[in-house]
Amino acid sequence: MWNKLEKIISDKGITIYRLGKLTGLGVSVFYNLKSGRIKDVTFQTAIKIADALNVSLDELR
């Protein structure tokens, strides 16, 4: 999931810190995704990320 997420935030010019603020999630969630400590996120988390980035859930898969 991180590879797709990284591309989307890069294309939109959003930092991990900003994404954390937009989603209400701690930046540690995104750093753990990036490092591979978290492989999958919950459905609720995926919805928050998709909503914050204004993308569909399919784009994050």
N, C-alpha and C. Protein backbone atom coordinates (compact mmCIF):
# COMPACT_ATOMS: atom_id res chain seq x y z
N MET A 1 0.82 -1.19 0.00
CA MET A 1 0.00 0.00 0.00
C MET A 1 0.86 1.26 0.00
N TRP A 2 2.01 1.20 0.66
CA TRP A 2 2.82 2.40 0.79
C TRP A 2 3.25 2.95 -0.56
N ASN A 3 3.61 2.09 -1.51
CA ASN A 3 4.09 2.57 -2.81
C ASN A 3 3.03 3.42 -3.51
N LYS A 4 1.81 2.96 -3.49
CA LYS A 4 0.73 3.73 -4.12
C LYS A 4 0.46 5.01 -3.36
N LEU A 5 0.45 4.91 -2.04
CA LEU A 5 0.21 6.08 -1.21
C LEU A 5 1.31 7.12 -1.41
N GLU A 6 2.54 6.67 -1.47
CA GLU A 6 3.67 7.58 -1.66
C GLU A 6 3.55 8.32 -3.00
N LYS A 7 3.15 7.62 -4.03
CA LYS A 7 3.00 8.25 -5.34
C LYS A 7 1.89 9.31 -5.31
N ILE A 8 0.79 8.98 -4.67
CA ILE A 8 -0.34 9.92 -4.60
C ILE A 8 0.05 11.17 -3.83
N ILE A 9 0.69 11.00 -2.67
CA ILE A 9 1.04 12.20 -1.89
C ILE A 9 2.13 13.00 -2.58
N SER A 10 3.00 12.33 -3.29
CA SER A 10 4.03 13.04 -4.05
C SER A 10 3.40 13.84 -5.18
N ASP A 11 2.49 13.22 -5.91
CA ASP A 11 1.80 13.90 -7.01
C ASP A 11 1.00 15.10 -6.53
N LYS A 12 0.45 15.00 -5.33
CA LYS A 12 -0.37 16.08 -4.78
C LYS A 12 0.46 17.08 -3.97
N GLY A 13 1.75 16.79 -3.78
CA GLY A 13 2.61 17.71 -3.05
C GLY A 13 2.30 17.77 -1.56
N ILE A 14 1.89 16.65 -0.99
CA ILE A 14 1.53 16.59 0.43
C ILE A 14 2.62 15.85 1.19
N THR A 15 2.99 16.37 2.34
CA THR A 15 3.97 15.69 3.18
C THR A 15 3.27 14.68 4.09
N ILE A 16 4.06 13.80 4.66
CA ILE A 16 3.50 12.83 5.62
C ILE A 16 2.90 13.57 6.81
N TYR A 17 3.57 14.62 7.24
CA TYR A 17 3.06 15.41 8.37
C TYR A 17 1.69 16.01 8.02
N ARG A 18 1.58 16.58 6.84
CA ARG A 18 0.31 17.18 6.40
C ARG A 18 -0.78 16.11 6.28
N LEU A 19 -0.42 14.95 5.75
CA LEU A 19 -1.38 13.87 5.62
C LEU A 19 -1.89 13.43 7.00
N GLY A 20 -0.99 13.40 7.96
CA GLY A 20 -1.40 13.09 9.33
C GLY A 20 -2.41 14.08 9.86
N LYS A 21 -2.18 15.35 9.59
CA LYS A 21 -3.12 16.40 10.03
C LYS A 21 -4.46 16.26 9.31
N LEU A 22 -4.42 15.99 8.01
CA LEU A 22 -5.65 15.87 7.22
C LEU A 22 -6.50 14.67 7.65
N THR A 23 -5.83 13.58 8.03
CA THR A 23 -6.54 12.36 8.39
C THR A 23 -6.87 12.27 9.87
N GLY A 24 -6.16 13.02 10.69
CA GLY A 24 -6.33 12.90 12.13
C GLY A 24 -5.56 11.72 12.70
N LEU A 25 -4.70 11.12 11.88
CA LEU A 25 -3.89 9.99 12.31
C LEU A 25 -2.50 10.48 12.68
N GLY A 26 -1.84 9.77 13.55
CA GLY A 26 -0.47 10.11 13.90
C GLY A 26 0.47 9.82 12.73
N VAL A 27 1.50 10.63 12.60
CA VAL A 27 2.45 10.42 11.51
C VAL A 27 3.15 9.07 11.65
N SER A 28 3.15 8.52 12.85
CA SER A 28 3.79 7.21 13.05
C SER A 28 3.11 6.12 12.22
N VAL A 29 1.82 6.27 11.98
CA VAL A 29 1.11 5.30 11.13
C VAL A 29 1.74 5.27 9.75
N PHE A 30 2.04 6.44 9.20
CA PHE A 30 2.59 6.53 7.86
C PHE A 30 4.06 6.10 7.82
N TYR A 31 4.81 6.44 8.86
CA TYR A 31 6.20 5.98 8.91
C TYR A 31 6.27 4.47 9.09
N ASN A 32 5.35 3.90 9.85
CA ASN A 32 5.31 2.45 10.01
C ASN A 32 4.89 1.75 8.72
N LEU A 33 4.00 2.36 7.96
CA LEU A 33 3.66 1.83 6.64
C LEU A 33 4.88 1.87 5.72
N LYS A 34 5.57 2.99 5.76
CA LYS A 34 6.74 3.18 4.91
C LYS A 34 7.83 2.16 5.23
N SER A 35 8.04 1.91 6.51
CA SER A 35 9.11 0.99 6.92
C SER A 35 8.71 -0.47 6.79
N GLY A 36 7.42 -0.73 6.60
CA GLY A 36 6.96 -2.11 6.49
C GLY A 36 6.51 -2.73 7.79
N ARG A 37 6.57 -1.96 8.88
CA ARG A 37 6.10 -2.49 10.17
C ARG A 37 4.60 -2.74 10.14
N ILE A 38 3.89 -1.91 9.39
CA ILE A 38 2.46 -2.12 9.17
C ILE A 38 2.30 -2.51 7.71
N LYS A 39 1.71 -3.66 7.48
CA LYS A 39 1.51 -4.14 6.11
C LYS A 39 0.16 -3.68 5.57
N ASP A 40 -0.86 -3.74 6.39
CA ASP A 40 -2.21 -3.37 6.00
C ASP A 40 -2.80 -2.45 7.05
N VAL A 41 -3.68 -1.61 6.61
CA VAL A 41 -4.38 -0.71 7.53
C VAL A 41 -5.83 -1.16 7.66
N THR A 42 -6.48 -0.70 8.70
CA THR A 42 -7.88 -1.03 8.88
C THR A 42 -8.72 -0.32 7.80
N PHE A 43 -9.92 -0.80 7.63
CA PHE A 43 -10.83 -0.20 6.66
C PHE A 43 -11.09 1.27 7.01
N GLN A 44 -11.29 1.54 8.30
CA GLN A 44 -11.54 2.92 8.75
C GLN A 44 -10.35 3.83 8.43
N THR A 45 -9.15 3.34 8.64
CA THR A 45 -7.95 4.12 8.34
C THR A 45 -7.84 4.38 6.85
N ALA A 46 -8.12 3.36 6.05
CA ALA A 46 -8.07 3.51 4.60
C ALA A 46 -9.07 4.55 4.12
N ILE A 47 -10.25 4.56 4.73
CA ILE A 47 -11.26 5.56 4.37
C ILE A 47 -10.77 6.97 4.71
N LYS A 48 -10.18 7.13 5.89
CA LYS A 48 -9.66 8.45 6.29
C LYS A 48 -8.59 8.93 5.31
N ILE A 49 -7.71 8.03 4.91
CA ILE A 49 -6.65 8.39 3.98
C ILE A 49 -7.23 8.76 2.62
N ALA A 50 -8.13 7.92 2.12
CA ALA A 50 -8.74 8.19 0.81
C ALA A 50 -9.51 9.51 0.82
N ASP A 51 -10.27 9.75 1.88
CA ASP A 51 -11.03 11.00 1.97
C ASP A 51 -10.10 12.21 2.02
N ALA A 52 -9.04 12.12 2.80
CA ALA A 52 -8.11 13.23 2.93
C ALA A 52 -7.41 13.54 1.61
N LEU A 53 -7.15 12.51 0.82
CA LEU A 53 -6.46 12.69 -0.46
C LEU A 53 -7.43 12.88 -1.62
N ASN A 54 -8.72 12.76 -1.34
CA ASN A 54 -9.75 12.89 -2.37
C ASN A 54 -9.55 11.88 -3.49
N VAL A 55 -9.32 10.62 -3.09
CA VAL A 55 -9.17 9.52 -4.03
C VAL A 55 -10.11 8.39 -3.62
N SER A 56 -10.32 7.44 -4.51
CA SER A 56 -11.15 6.29 -4.17
C SER A 56 -10.31 5.26 -3.42
N LEU A 57 -10.98 4.40 -2.70
CA LEU A 57 -10.28 3.32 -2.00
C LEU A 57 -9.54 2.42 -2.99
N ASP A 58 -10.10 2.26 -4.17
CA ASP A 58 -9.44 1.42 -5.19
C ASP A 58 -8.06 1.96 -5.56
N GLU A 59 -7.90 3.26 -5.52
CA GLU A 59 -6.60 3.84 -5.87
C GLU A 59 -5.52 3.51 -4.83
N LEU A 60 -5.94 3.16 -3.62
CA LEU A 60 -4.99 2.83 -2.57
C LEU A 60 -4.64 1.36 -2.56
N ARG A 61 -5.40 0.54 -3.28
CA ARG A 61 -5.16 -0.91 -3.30
C ARG A 61 -4.01 -1.27 -4.18
